Amino acid sequence: LQMGEIKRKTTFRYLYRRMMNSLGVDAIKDVFEKAEEQYKSKELREKIYEWASENSDVADVLFKLFILESGKNISAWKWLTGENLSNQELNALNLKANLLDVNDYIQVLKIMGRIFWEIKHVKLLFFIDESEALKQCKDEDSIAGWEHALRLLFDQENEHVGVIFAISVRTMEEEDMPEPFTFSSVQTRISPSGNIELR
């Protein structure tokens, strides 16, 4: 997965949507089909709400999208991947709001990671290539959002989702790195063993 085109005000939502779409509705559908083989209907519903206990809206959408409608509800998938829905679309899904911030996005990733682990006993690992593109992000609020997202992704409490960022820079010095990676709150979670320099 490539970082993609980063602009001055690009937020983490851009990468989140790319990560979810790279994971794909079919792969998630496959996991839930396997879950249906392991659990009876009522038990599976309870399990989904247990795995997504941090966010009942996510649990509702996952159950509707993958159990009731076999991955065919386009609006539900759009919502899950961070696309803003209209009020009419939200009402149709019995939702009050879109996923709006970094906490929401990381929460969904962690929920997906737990579900993959519980059903298939695999952890999610995303490889983000050309991450030096993040140097193009210059807006303070956007940078703060990226820093918050990286801190949550690299935190020890995140047990089931791994992310590798490949960054092509002259040196590993702070002035050459994309700014979100230079914050101490991020560095303390990945250093020293988390930084691997390839020559």
N, C-alpha and C. Protein backbone atom coordinates (compact mmCIF):
# COMPACT_ATOMS: atom_id res chain seq x y z
N LEU A 1 0.84 -1.19 0.00
CA LEU A 1 0.00 0.00 0.00
C LEU A 1 0.88 1.24 0.00
N GLN A 2 0.67 2.15 -0.94
CA GLN A 2 1.44 3.38 -0.99
C GLN A 2 0.75 4.46 -0.15
N MET A 3 1.56 5.34 0.42
CA MET A 3 1.02 6.44 1.19
C MET A 3 0.08 7.27 0.33
N GLY A 4 0.44 7.45 -0.94
CA GLY A 4 -0.41 8.22 -1.84
C GLY A 4 -0.06 9.70 -1.84
N GLU A 5 -0.90 10.48 -2.48
CA GLU A 5 -0.62 11.91 -2.65
C GLU A 5 -1.02 12.69 -1.40
N ILE A 6 -0.02 13.22 -0.73
CA ILE A 6 -0.25 14.00 0.48
C ILE A 6 -0.13 15.48 0.15
N LYS A 7 -1.11 16.24 0.62
CA LYS A 7 -1.10 17.69 0.40
C LYS A 7 -0.94 18.41 1.73
N ARG A 8 -0.95 19.72 1.68
CA ARG A 8 -0.66 20.53 2.87
C ARG A 8 -1.58 20.20 4.04
N LYS A 9 -2.87 19.97 3.78
CA LYS A 9 -3.83 19.75 4.85
C LYS A 9 -4.38 18.32 4.89
N THR A 10 -3.69 17.39 4.26
CA THR A 10 -4.16 16.00 4.27
C THR A 10 -4.16 15.46 5.69
N THR A 11 -5.27 14.85 6.09
CA THR A 11 -5.38 14.30 7.44
C THR A 11 -5.20 12.78 7.42
N PHE A 12 -5.11 12.19 8.61
CA PHE A 12 -4.95 10.74 8.73
C PHE A 12 -6.12 10.01 8.11
N ARG A 13 -7.28 10.64 8.02
CA ARG A 13 -8.45 10.00 7.42
C ARG A 13 -8.14 9.48 6.02
N TYR A 14 -7.30 10.19 5.30
CA TYR A 14 -6.91 9.80 3.94
C TYR A 14 -6.24 8.42 3.96
N LEU A 15 -5.27 8.24 4.86
CA LEU A 15 -4.58 6.95 4.95
C LEU A 15 -5.51 5.89 5.52
N TYR A 16 -6.32 6.24 6.49
CA TYR A 16 -7.27 5.27 7.05
C TYR A 16 -8.15 4.67 5.95
N ARG A 17 -8.67 5.52 5.09
CA ARG A 17 -9.54 5.03 4.01
C ARG A 17 -8.77 4.11 3.06
N ARG A 18 -7.52 4.44 2.80
CA ARG A 18 -6.70 3.59 1.94
C ARG A 18 -6.42 2.25 2.62
N MET A 19 -6.19 2.26 3.91
CA MET A 19 -5.93 1.03 4.65
C MET A 19 -7.16 0.12 4.65
N MET A 20 -8.32 0.71 4.91
CA MET A 20 -9.54 -0.09 4.94
C MET A 20 -9.87 -0.66 3.56
N ASN A 21 -9.71 0.15 2.54
CA ASN A 21 -10.01 -0.33 1.19
C ASN A 21 -8.99 -1.36 0.71
N SER A 22 -7.75 -1.27 1.20
CA SER A 22 -6.76 -2.29 0.85
C SER A 22 -7.08 -3.61 1.56
N LEU A 23 -7.60 -3.51 2.76
CA LEU A 23 -8.05 -4.70 3.47
C LEU A 23 -9.21 -5.33 2.71
N GLY A 24 -10.17 -4.50 2.35
CA GLY A 24 -11.21 -4.91 1.41
C GLY A 24 -12.41 -5.60 2.01
N VAL A 25 -13.56 -5.33 1.41
CA VAL A 25 -14.81 -5.91 1.88
C VAL A 25 -14.81 -7.43 1.74
N ASP A 26 -14.16 -7.96 0.70
CA ASP A 26 -14.18 -9.42 0.48
C ASP A 26 -13.41 -10.16 1.56
N ALA A 27 -12.26 -9.61 1.98
CA ALA A 27 -11.48 -10.28 3.02
C ALA A 27 -12.22 -10.28 4.35
N ILE A 28 -12.89 -9.17 4.65
CA ILE A 28 -13.66 -9.09 5.89
C ILE A 28 -14.87 -10.02 5.81
N LYS A 29 -15.50 -10.05 4.65
CA LYS A 29 -16.65 -10.94 4.45
C LYS A 29 -16.23 -12.39 4.67
N ASP A 30 -15.06 -12.76 4.18
CA ASP A 30 -14.55 -14.12 4.34
C ASP A 30 -14.38 -14.46 5.82
N VAL A 31 -13.90 -13.49 6.62
CA VAL A 31 -13.73 -13.72 8.05
C VAL A 31 -15.07 -13.97 8.72
N PHE A 32 -16.06 -13.18 8.36
CA PHE A 32 -17.38 -13.35 8.99
C PHE A 32 -18.06 -14.63 8.52
N GLU A 33 -17.81 -15.06 7.31
CA GLU A 33 -18.35 -16.34 6.86
C GLU A 33 -17.75 -17.48 7.68
N LYS A 34 -16.47 -17.37 7.98
CA LYS A 34 -15.85 -18.37 8.84
C LYS A 34 -16.40 -18.31 10.25
N ALA A 35 -16.69 -17.09 10.71
CA ALA A 35 -17.28 -16.92 12.04
C ALA A 35 -18.65 -17.58 12.12
N GLU A 36 -19.40 -17.50 11.04
CA GLU A 36 -20.73 -18.11 11.01
C GLU A 36 -20.65 -19.63 11.10
N GLU A 37 -19.52 -20.20 10.68
CA GLU A 37 -19.32 -21.64 10.80
C GLU A 37 -19.00 -22.04 12.24
N GLN A 38 -18.45 -21.08 12.99
CA GLN A 38 -18.02 -21.38 14.36
C GLN A 38 -19.08 -21.09 15.41
N TYR A 39 -19.95 -20.12 15.12
CA TYR A 39 -20.92 -19.69 16.12
C TYR A 39 -22.34 -19.75 15.57
N LYS A 40 -23.28 -20.04 16.45
CA LYS A 40 -24.68 -19.93 16.10
C LYS A 40 -25.05 -18.45 15.98
N SER A 41 -26.15 -18.16 15.31
CA SER A 41 -26.51 -16.78 14.97
C SER A 41 -26.54 -15.85 16.17
N LYS A 42 -27.25 -16.23 17.21
CA LYS A 42 -27.37 -15.37 18.39
C LYS A 42 -26.03 -15.19 19.07
N GLU A 43 -25.27 -16.28 19.16
CA GLU A 43 -23.95 -16.21 19.80
C GLU A 43 -23.00 -15.33 19.01
N LEU A 44 -23.06 -15.40 17.68
CA LEU A 44 -22.19 -14.59 16.84
C LEU A 44 -22.52 -13.11 17.01
N ARG A 45 -23.80 -12.79 17.07
CA ARG A 45 -24.18 -11.40 17.30
C ARG A 45 -23.59 -10.89 18.60
N GLU A 46 -23.66 -11.70 19.65
CA GLU A 46 -23.10 -11.31 20.94
C GLU A 46 -21.59 -11.14 20.86
N LYS A 47 -20.95 -12.03 20.09
CA LYS A 47 -19.51 -11.96 19.93
C LYS A 47 -19.09 -10.67 19.20
N ILE A 48 -19.82 -10.31 18.16
CA ILE A 48 -19.50 -9.09 17.42
C ILE A 48 -19.58 -7.88 18.33
N TYR A 49 -20.60 -7.84 19.17
CA TYR A 49 -20.73 -6.70 20.09
C TYR A 49 -19.69 -6.75 21.20
N GLU A 50 -19.19 -7.92 21.50
CA GLU A 50 -18.09 -8.04 22.45
C GLU A 50 -16.79 -7.54 21.81
N TRP A 51 -16.51 -7.99 20.59
CA TRP A 51 -15.27 -7.60 19.91
C TRP A 51 -15.24 -6.11 19.60
N ALA A 52 -16.42 -5.53 19.36
CA ALA A 52 -16.51 -4.10 19.04
C ALA A 52 -17.11 -3.32 20.20
N SER A 53 -16.83 -3.75 21.41
CA SER A 53 -17.47 -3.17 22.59
C SER A 53 -17.15 -1.68 22.76
N GLU A 54 -16.04 -1.22 22.17
CA GLU A 54 -15.67 0.19 22.32
C GLU A 54 -16.58 1.11 21.52
N ASN A 55 -17.30 0.55 20.53
CA ASN A 55 -18.12 1.39 19.66
C ASN A 55 -19.31 0.57 19.14
N SER A 56 -20.47 0.80 19.74
CA SER A 56 -21.65 0.01 19.37
C SER A 56 -22.11 0.30 17.94
N ASP A 57 -21.83 1.53 17.44
CA ASP A 57 -22.19 1.84 16.05
C ASP A 57 -21.41 0.96 15.09
N VAL A 58 -20.14 0.76 15.36
CA VAL A 58 -19.32 -0.12 14.52
C VAL A 58 -19.85 -1.54 14.57
N ALA A 59 -20.22 -1.99 15.76
CA ALA A 59 -20.80 -3.33 15.90
C ALA A 59 -22.09 -3.46 15.09
N ASP A 60 -22.94 -2.44 15.17
CA ASP A 60 -24.19 -2.45 14.41
C ASP A 60 -23.93 -2.58 12.91
N VAL A 61 -22.97 -1.77 12.42
CA VAL A 61 -22.68 -1.76 10.99
C VAL A 61 -22.05 -3.08 10.55
N LEU A 62 -21.15 -3.61 11.34
CA LEU A 62 -20.53 -4.89 11.00
C LEU A 62 -21.57 -6.00 10.92
N PHE A 63 -22.47 -6.03 11.89
CA PHE A 63 -23.50 -7.08 11.90
C PHE A 63 -24.42 -6.92 10.69
N LYS A 64 -24.83 -5.70 10.41
CA LYS A 64 -25.73 -5.46 9.28
C LYS A 64 -25.05 -5.76 7.96
N LEU A 65 -23.81 -5.27 7.82
CA LEU A 65 -23.10 -5.39 6.55
C LEU A 65 -22.69 -6.82 6.25
N PHE A 66 -22.14 -7.52 7.22
CA PHE A 66 -21.53 -8.81 6.92
C PHE A 66 -22.37 -10.03 7.32
N ILE A 67 -23.29 -9.86 8.24
CA ILE A 67 -24.12 -10.99 8.64
C ILE A 67 -25.48 -10.94 7.96
N LEU A 68 -26.12 -9.79 7.99
CA LEU A 68 -27.46 -9.69 7.41
C LEU A 68 -27.44 -9.49 5.90
N GLU A 69 -26.41 -8.81 5.38
CA GLU A 69 -26.44 -8.42 3.98
C GLU A 69 -25.22 -8.87 3.17
N SER A 70 -24.42 -9.77 3.73
CA SER A 70 -23.31 -10.43 3.00
C SER A 70 -22.39 -9.44 2.29
N GLY A 71 -22.11 -8.31 2.92
CA GLY A 71 -21.16 -7.36 2.37
C GLY A 71 -21.68 -6.52 1.23
N LYS A 72 -23.01 -6.51 1.02
CA LYS A 72 -23.57 -5.85 -0.16
C LYS A 72 -24.14 -4.45 0.11
N ASN A 73 -24.11 -4.00 1.35
CA ASN A 73 -24.65 -2.68 1.67
C ASN A 73 -23.56 -1.63 1.43
N ILE A 74 -23.66 -0.94 0.32
CA ILE A 74 -22.62 0.01 -0.08
C ILE A 74 -22.49 1.14 0.93
N SER A 75 -23.61 1.64 1.41
CA SER A 75 -23.57 2.75 2.37
C SER A 75 -22.86 2.35 3.66
N ALA A 76 -23.12 1.13 4.12
CA ALA A 76 -22.49 0.66 5.35
C ALA A 76 -20.98 0.56 5.17
N TRP A 77 -20.53 0.07 4.02
CA TRP A 77 -19.10 -0.02 3.76
C TRP A 77 -18.48 1.38 3.64
N LYS A 78 -19.16 2.30 2.99
CA LYS A 78 -18.66 3.66 2.90
C LYS A 78 -18.47 4.26 4.29
N TRP A 79 -19.47 4.05 5.15
CA TRP A 79 -19.38 4.60 6.51
C TRP A 79 -18.19 4.00 7.25
N LEU A 80 -18.04 2.68 7.12
CA LEU A 80 -16.97 1.98 7.84
C LEU A 80 -15.60 2.43 7.37
N THR A 81 -15.49 2.85 6.11
CA THR A 81 -14.19 3.28 5.57
C THR A 81 -13.98 4.78 5.69
N GLY A 82 -14.85 5.45 6.43
CA GLY A 82 -14.61 6.86 6.72
C GLY A 82 -15.20 7.85 5.73
N GLU A 83 -16.02 7.38 4.81
CA GLU A 83 -16.66 8.30 3.88
C GLU A 83 -17.87 8.93 4.56
N ASN A 84 -18.03 10.22 4.39
CA ASN A 84 -19.15 10.91 5.01
C ASN A 84 -20.45 10.61 4.28
N LEU A 85 -21.45 10.14 5.03
CA LEU A 85 -22.76 9.85 4.48
C LEU A 85 -23.71 11.01 4.73
N SER A 86 -24.73 11.11 3.90
CA SER A 86 -25.77 12.11 4.09
C SER A 86 -26.63 11.72 5.28
N ASN A 87 -27.41 12.66 5.78
CA ASN A 87 -28.33 12.35 6.88
C ASN A 87 -29.29 11.24 6.51
N GLN A 88 -29.74 11.25 5.28
CA GLN A 88 -30.66 10.22 4.81
C GLN A 88 -30.00 8.84 4.85
N GLU A 89 -28.76 8.77 4.41
CA GLU A 89 -28.03 7.50 4.42
C GLU A 89 -27.77 7.04 5.86
N LEU A 90 -27.42 7.99 6.74
CA LEU A 90 -27.20 7.65 8.14
C LEU A 90 -28.47 7.11 8.78
N ASN A 91 -29.58 7.77 8.51
CA ASN A 91 -30.85 7.33 9.07
C ASN A 91 -31.20 5.92 8.61
N ALA A 92 -30.90 5.61 7.36
CA ALA A 92 -31.20 4.28 6.83
C ALA A 92 -30.41 3.20 7.56
N LEU A 93 -29.26 3.58 8.10
CA LEU A 93 -28.41 2.64 8.84
C LEU A 93 -28.62 2.74 10.35
N ASN A 94 -29.56 3.61 10.76
CA ASN A 94 -29.81 3.87 12.18
C ASN A 94 -28.58 4.41 12.90
N LEU A 95 -27.86 5.27 12.19
CA LEU A 95 -26.68 5.91 12.75
C LEU A 95 -26.93 7.40 12.92
N LYS A 96 -26.28 7.98 13.92
CA LYS A 96 -26.46 9.41 14.18
C LYS A 96 -25.33 10.26 13.61
N ALA A 97 -24.17 9.65 13.36
CA ALA A 97 -23.02 10.45 12.92
C ALA A 97 -22.06 9.61 12.10
N ASN A 98 -21.24 10.30 11.31
CA ASN A 98 -20.16 9.65 10.57
C ASN A 98 -18.98 9.43 11.50
N LEU A 99 -18.03 8.61 11.06
CA LEU A 99 -16.75 8.51 11.76
C LEU A 99 -16.03 9.82 11.52
N LEU A 100 -15.62 10.49 12.58
CA LEU A 100 -15.21 11.89 12.44
C LEU A 100 -13.74 12.17 12.75
N ASP A 101 -13.11 11.37 13.60
CA ASP A 101 -11.76 11.77 14.02
C ASP A 101 -10.83 10.57 14.14
N VAL A 102 -9.60 10.87 14.49
CA VAL A 102 -8.55 9.86 14.59
C VAL A 102 -8.95 8.74 15.54
N ASN A 103 -9.53 9.10 16.68
CA ASN A 103 -9.93 8.07 17.65
C ASN A 103 -10.89 7.07 17.02
N ASP A 104 -11.84 7.57 16.22
CA ASP A 104 -12.79 6.68 15.54
C ASP A 104 -12.06 5.73 14.59
N TYR A 105 -11.15 6.29 13.78
CA TYR A 105 -10.47 5.48 12.77
C TYR A 105 -9.59 4.40 13.40
N ILE A 106 -8.85 4.77 14.42
CA ILE A 106 -7.98 3.79 15.08
C ILE A 106 -8.82 2.74 15.78
N GLN A 107 -9.94 3.17 16.34
CA GLN A 107 -10.84 2.23 17.00
C GLN A 107 -11.33 1.16 16.02
N VAL A 108 -11.73 1.59 14.81
CA VAL A 108 -12.20 0.63 13.81
C VAL A 108 -11.07 -0.32 13.42
N LEU A 109 -9.88 0.20 13.20
CA LEU A 109 -8.75 -0.66 12.83
C LEU A 109 -8.48 -1.70 13.92
N LYS A 110 -8.51 -1.26 15.17
CA LYS A 110 -8.27 -2.18 16.28
C LYS A 110 -9.37 -3.24 16.39
N ILE A 111 -10.62 -2.82 16.14
CA ILE A 111 -11.73 -3.78 16.15
C ILE A 111 -11.55 -4.81 15.04
N MET A 112 -11.18 -4.33 13.84
CA MET A 112 -10.96 -5.26 12.74
C MET A 112 -9.82 -6.22 13.07
N GLY A 113 -8.77 -5.69 13.66
CA GLY A 113 -7.64 -6.52 14.04
C GLY A 113 -8.04 -7.60 15.04
N ARG A 114 -8.87 -7.22 16.00
CA ARG A 114 -9.31 -8.21 16.99
C ARG A 114 -10.17 -9.28 16.33
N ILE A 115 -11.06 -8.88 15.44
CA ILE A 115 -11.94 -9.86 14.78
C ILE A 115 -11.13 -10.85 13.95
N PHE A 116 -10.13 -10.34 13.19
CA PHE A 116 -9.27 -11.24 12.41
C PHE A 116 -8.53 -12.21 13.33
N TRP A 117 -8.10 -11.69 14.49
CA TRP A 117 -7.38 -12.54 15.42
C TRP A 117 -8.30 -13.60 16.05
N GLU A 118 -9.49 -13.19 16.45
CA GLU A 118 -10.42 -14.11 17.11
C GLU A 118 -10.89 -15.22 16.16
N ILE A 119 -11.07 -14.89 14.89
CA ILE A 119 -11.63 -15.86 13.95
C ILE A 119 -10.55 -16.63 13.19
N LYS A 120 -9.52 -15.94 12.72
CA LYS A 120 -8.50 -16.59 11.88
C LYS A 120 -7.15 -16.73 12.55
N HIS A 121 -7.02 -16.15 13.74
CA HIS A 121 -5.77 -16.19 14.50
C HIS A 121 -4.61 -15.59 13.71
N VAL A 122 -4.90 -14.51 13.00
CA VAL A 122 -3.86 -13.76 12.30
C VAL A 122 -3.98 -12.30 12.72
N LYS A 123 -2.87 -11.62 12.70
CA LYS A 123 -2.86 -10.19 13.00
C LYS A 123 -2.78 -9.39 11.70
N LEU A 124 -3.35 -8.20 11.70
CA LEU A 124 -3.29 -7.35 10.53
C LEU A 124 -1.96 -6.62 10.49
N LEU A 125 -1.32 -6.61 9.34
CA LEU A 125 -0.07 -5.88 9.16
C LEU A 125 -0.16 -5.08 7.87
N PHE A 126 -0.03 -3.77 8.00
CA PHE A 126 -0.06 -2.88 6.84
C PHE A 126 1.35 -2.37 6.56
N PHE A 127 1.76 -2.46 5.31
CA PHE A 127 3.05 -1.92 4.86
C PHE A 127 2.75 -0.67 4.04
N ILE A 128 3.16 0.49 4.55
CA ILE A 128 2.87 1.77 3.90
C ILE A 128 4.14 2.26 3.22
N ASP A 129 4.18 2.14 1.91
CA ASP A 129 5.36 2.53 1.14
C ASP A 129 5.33 4.03 0.81
N GLU A 130 6.51 4.57 0.51
CA GLU A 130 6.66 5.98 0.10
C GLU A 130 6.06 6.93 1.14
N SER A 131 6.32 6.62 2.40
CA SER A 131 5.76 7.43 3.48
C SER A 131 6.45 8.78 3.64
N GLU A 132 7.54 8.97 2.90
CA GLU A 132 8.17 10.29 2.91
C GLU A 132 7.24 11.36 2.33
N ALA A 133 6.21 10.92 1.62
CA ALA A 133 5.23 11.87 1.07
C ALA A 133 4.58 12.69 2.17
N LEU A 134 4.61 12.16 3.39
CA LEU A 134 4.00 12.87 4.51
C LEU A 134 4.72 14.19 4.84
N LYS A 135 5.90 14.36 4.28
CA LYS A 135 6.62 15.64 4.46
C LYS A 135 5.86 16.80 3.82
N GLN A 136 4.96 16.48 2.90
CA GLN A 136 4.18 17.52 2.24
C GLN A 136 3.07 18.09 3.12
N CYS A 137 2.76 17.40 4.20
CA CYS A 137 1.74 17.88 5.13
C CYS A 137 2.35 18.98 5.99
N LYS A 138 1.80 20.19 5.90
CA LYS A 138 2.37 21.34 6.59
C LYS A 138 1.41 21.98 7.59
N ASP A 139 0.15 21.63 7.52
CA ASP A 139 -0.87 22.24 8.38
C ASP A 139 -0.73 21.72 9.81
N GLU A 140 -0.70 22.62 10.79
CA GLU A 140 -0.46 22.23 12.17
C GLU A 140 -1.51 21.27 12.71
N ASP A 141 -2.78 21.55 12.42
CA ASP A 141 -3.84 20.69 12.92
C ASP A 141 -3.76 19.29 12.29
N SER A 142 -3.46 19.25 10.98
CA SER A 142 -3.33 17.97 10.30
C SER A 142 -2.16 17.17 10.86
N ILE A 143 -1.04 17.84 11.08
CA ILE A 143 0.15 17.19 11.63
C ILE A 143 -0.15 16.63 13.02
N ALA A 144 -0.88 17.41 13.83
CA ALA A 144 -1.24 16.94 15.17
C ALA A 144 -2.10 15.68 15.09
N GLY A 145 -2.99 15.64 14.11
CA GLY A 145 -3.82 14.44 13.92
C GLY A 145 -3.00 13.23 13.53
N TRP A 146 -2.02 13.42 12.65
CA TRP A 146 -1.12 12.33 12.27
C TRP A 146 -0.32 11.84 13.47
N GLU A 147 0.18 12.79 14.26
CA GLU A 147 0.95 12.41 15.45
C GLU A 147 0.10 11.59 16.39
N HIS A 148 -1.15 12.00 16.60
CA HIS A 148 -2.05 11.26 17.49
C HIS A 148 -2.32 9.86 16.95
N ALA A 149 -2.53 9.75 15.64
CA ALA A 149 -2.79 8.45 15.02
C ALA A 149 -1.58 7.52 15.16
N LEU A 150 -0.39 8.03 14.89
CA LEU A 150 0.82 7.21 15.00
C LEU A 150 1.03 6.76 16.44
N ARG A 151 0.78 7.66 17.37
CA ARG A 151 0.95 7.31 18.78
C ARG A 151 0.02 6.16 19.17
N LEU A 152 -1.22 6.21 18.71
CA LEU A 152 -2.18 5.16 19.02
C LEU A 152 -1.84 3.85 18.31
N LEU A 153 -1.38 3.95 17.06
CA LEU A 153 -1.02 2.75 16.30
C LEU A 153 0.17 2.04 16.93
N PHE A 154 1.14 2.81 17.40
CA PHE A 154 2.37 2.23 17.94
C PHE A 154 2.27 1.91 19.43
N ASP A 155 1.14 2.21 20.04
CA ASP A 155 1.00 1.99 21.46
C ASP A 155 0.93 0.49 21.78
N GLN A 156 1.44 0.12 22.93
CA GLN A 156 1.45 -1.29 23.32
C GLN A 156 0.05 -1.85 23.51
N GLU A 157 -0.93 -0.98 23.74
CA GLU A 157 -2.31 -1.45 23.90
C GLU A 157 -2.91 -1.93 22.58
N ASN A 158 -2.28 -1.57 21.47
CA ASN A 158 -2.72 -2.04 20.16
C ASN A 158 -2.09 -3.41 19.91
N GLU A 159 -2.85 -4.44 20.15
CA GLU A 159 -2.30 -5.80 20.13
C GLU A 159 -2.42 -6.50 18.77
N HIS A 160 -3.31 -6.04 17.90
CA HIS A 160 -3.66 -6.84 16.73
C HIS A 160 -3.45 -6.16 15.39
N VAL A 161 -2.96 -4.93 15.39
CA VAL A 161 -2.74 -4.21 14.12
C VAL A 161 -1.31 -3.66 14.10
N GLY A 162 -0.54 -4.10 13.10
CA GLY A 162 0.82 -3.60 12.93
C GLY A 162 0.93 -2.74 11.69
N VAL A 163 1.80 -1.77 11.74
CA VAL A 163 2.02 -0.89 10.59
C VAL A 163 3.51 -0.67 10.40
N ILE A 164 3.98 -0.89 9.17
CA ILE A 164 5.36 -0.60 8.81
C ILE A 164 5.35 0.56 7.82
N PHE A 165 6.03 1.64 8.16
CA PHE A 165 6.14 2.79 7.27
C PHE A 165 7.52 2.78 6.61
N ALA A 166 7.56 2.69 5.30
CA ALA A 166 8.82 2.77 4.56
C ALA A 166 9.03 4.22 4.15
N ILE A 167 10.15 4.78 4.59
CA ILE A 167 10.42 6.20 4.36
C ILE A 167 11.78 6.35 3.68
N SER A 168 11.80 6.97 2.52
CA SER A 168 13.06 7.21 1.81
C SER A 168 13.52 8.64 2.09
N VAL A 169 14.55 8.75 2.93
CA VAL A 169 15.10 10.06 3.29
C VAL A 169 16.62 9.98 3.29
N ARG A 170 17.27 11.14 3.27
CA ARG A 170 18.75 11.17 3.25
C ARG A 170 19.33 10.56 4.51
N THR A 171 18.77 10.96 5.65
CA THR A 171 19.26 10.45 6.93
C THR A 171 18.07 10.20 7.84
N MET A 172 18.33 9.59 8.98
CA MET A 172 17.29 9.36 9.98
C MET A 172 17.19 10.53 10.95
N GLU A 173 17.89 11.62 10.62
CA GLU A 173 17.86 12.79 11.50
C GLU A 173 16.50 13.47 11.41
N GLU A 174 16.16 14.20 12.47
CA GLU A 174 14.84 14.81 12.59
C GLU A 174 14.51 15.73 11.43
N GLU A 175 15.50 16.51 10.95
CA GLU A 175 15.22 17.48 9.90
C GLU A 175 14.87 16.83 8.56
N ASP A 176 15.23 15.55 8.39
CA ASP A 176 14.94 14.85 7.14
C ASP A 176 13.66 14.02 7.19
N MET A 177 13.13 13.81 8.38
CA MET A 177 11.97 12.93 8.54
C MET A 177 10.67 13.72 8.42
N PRO A 178 9.60 13.06 7.97
CA PRO A 178 8.28 13.70 8.02
C PRO A 178 7.97 14.09 9.47
N GLU A 179 7.44 15.27 9.65
CA GLU A 179 7.29 15.81 11.00
C GLU A 179 6.52 14.93 11.97
N PRO A 180 5.40 14.28 11.56
CA PRO A 180 4.67 13.46 12.54
C PRO A 180 5.52 12.36 13.19
N PHE A 181 6.57 11.90 12.50
CA PHE A 181 7.41 10.84 13.06
C PHE A 181 8.45 11.39 14.04
N THR A 182 8.59 12.70 14.12
CA THR A 182 9.63 13.29 14.95
C THR A 182 9.18 13.60 16.37
N PHE A 183 7.89 13.53 16.64
CA PHE A 183 7.40 13.84 17.98
C PHE A 183 7.90 12.79 18.97
N SER A 184 8.24 13.25 20.15
CA SER A 184 8.74 12.32 21.17
C SER A 184 7.70 11.28 21.54
N SER A 185 6.41 11.66 21.48
CA SER A 185 5.35 10.72 21.81
C SER A 185 5.30 9.55 20.83
N VAL A 186 5.79 9.78 19.61
CA VAL A 186 5.86 8.72 18.60
C VAL A 186 7.19 7.99 18.71
N GLN A 187 8.27 8.73 18.81
CA GLN A 187 9.60 8.13 18.87
C GLN A 187 9.77 7.19 20.05
N THR A 188 9.21 7.55 21.20
CA THR A 188 9.36 6.69 22.37
C THR A 188 8.64 5.36 22.20
N ARG A 189 7.72 5.29 21.26
CA ARG A 189 6.98 4.06 21.02
C ARG A 189 7.63 3.17 19.95
N ILE A 190 8.54 3.75 19.16
CA ILE A 190 9.15 2.96 18.09
C ILE A 190 10.67 2.85 18.22
N SER A 191 11.28 3.64 19.06
CA SER A 191 12.74 3.62 19.16
C SER A 191 13.18 2.75 20.33
N PRO A 192 14.44 2.22 20.29
CA PRO A 192 15.35 2.29 19.13
C PRO A 192 15.14 1.16 18.12
N SER A 193 14.55 0.05 18.56
CA SER A 193 14.50 -1.13 17.70
C SER A 193 13.48 -0.97 16.57
N GLY A 194 12.57 -0.01 16.68
CA GLY A 194 11.54 0.13 15.67
C GLY A 194 12.00 0.87 14.43
N ASN A 195 13.11 1.59 14.51
CA ASN A 195 13.67 2.28 13.35
C ASN A 195 14.75 1.41 12.71
N ILE A 196 14.53 1.00 11.48
CA ILE A 196 15.50 0.17 10.78
C ILE A 196 15.98 0.92 9.55
N GLU A 197 17.27 1.22 9.51
CA GLU A 197 17.82 1.96 8.39
C GLU A 197 18.40 1.00 7.35
N LEU A 198 17.90 1.09 6.13
CA LEU A 198 18.38 0.25 5.03
C LEU A 198 19.23 1.11 4.10
N ARG A 199 20.38 0.59 3.73
CA ARG A 199 21.30 1.36 2.86
C ARG A 199 21.37 0.69 1.50
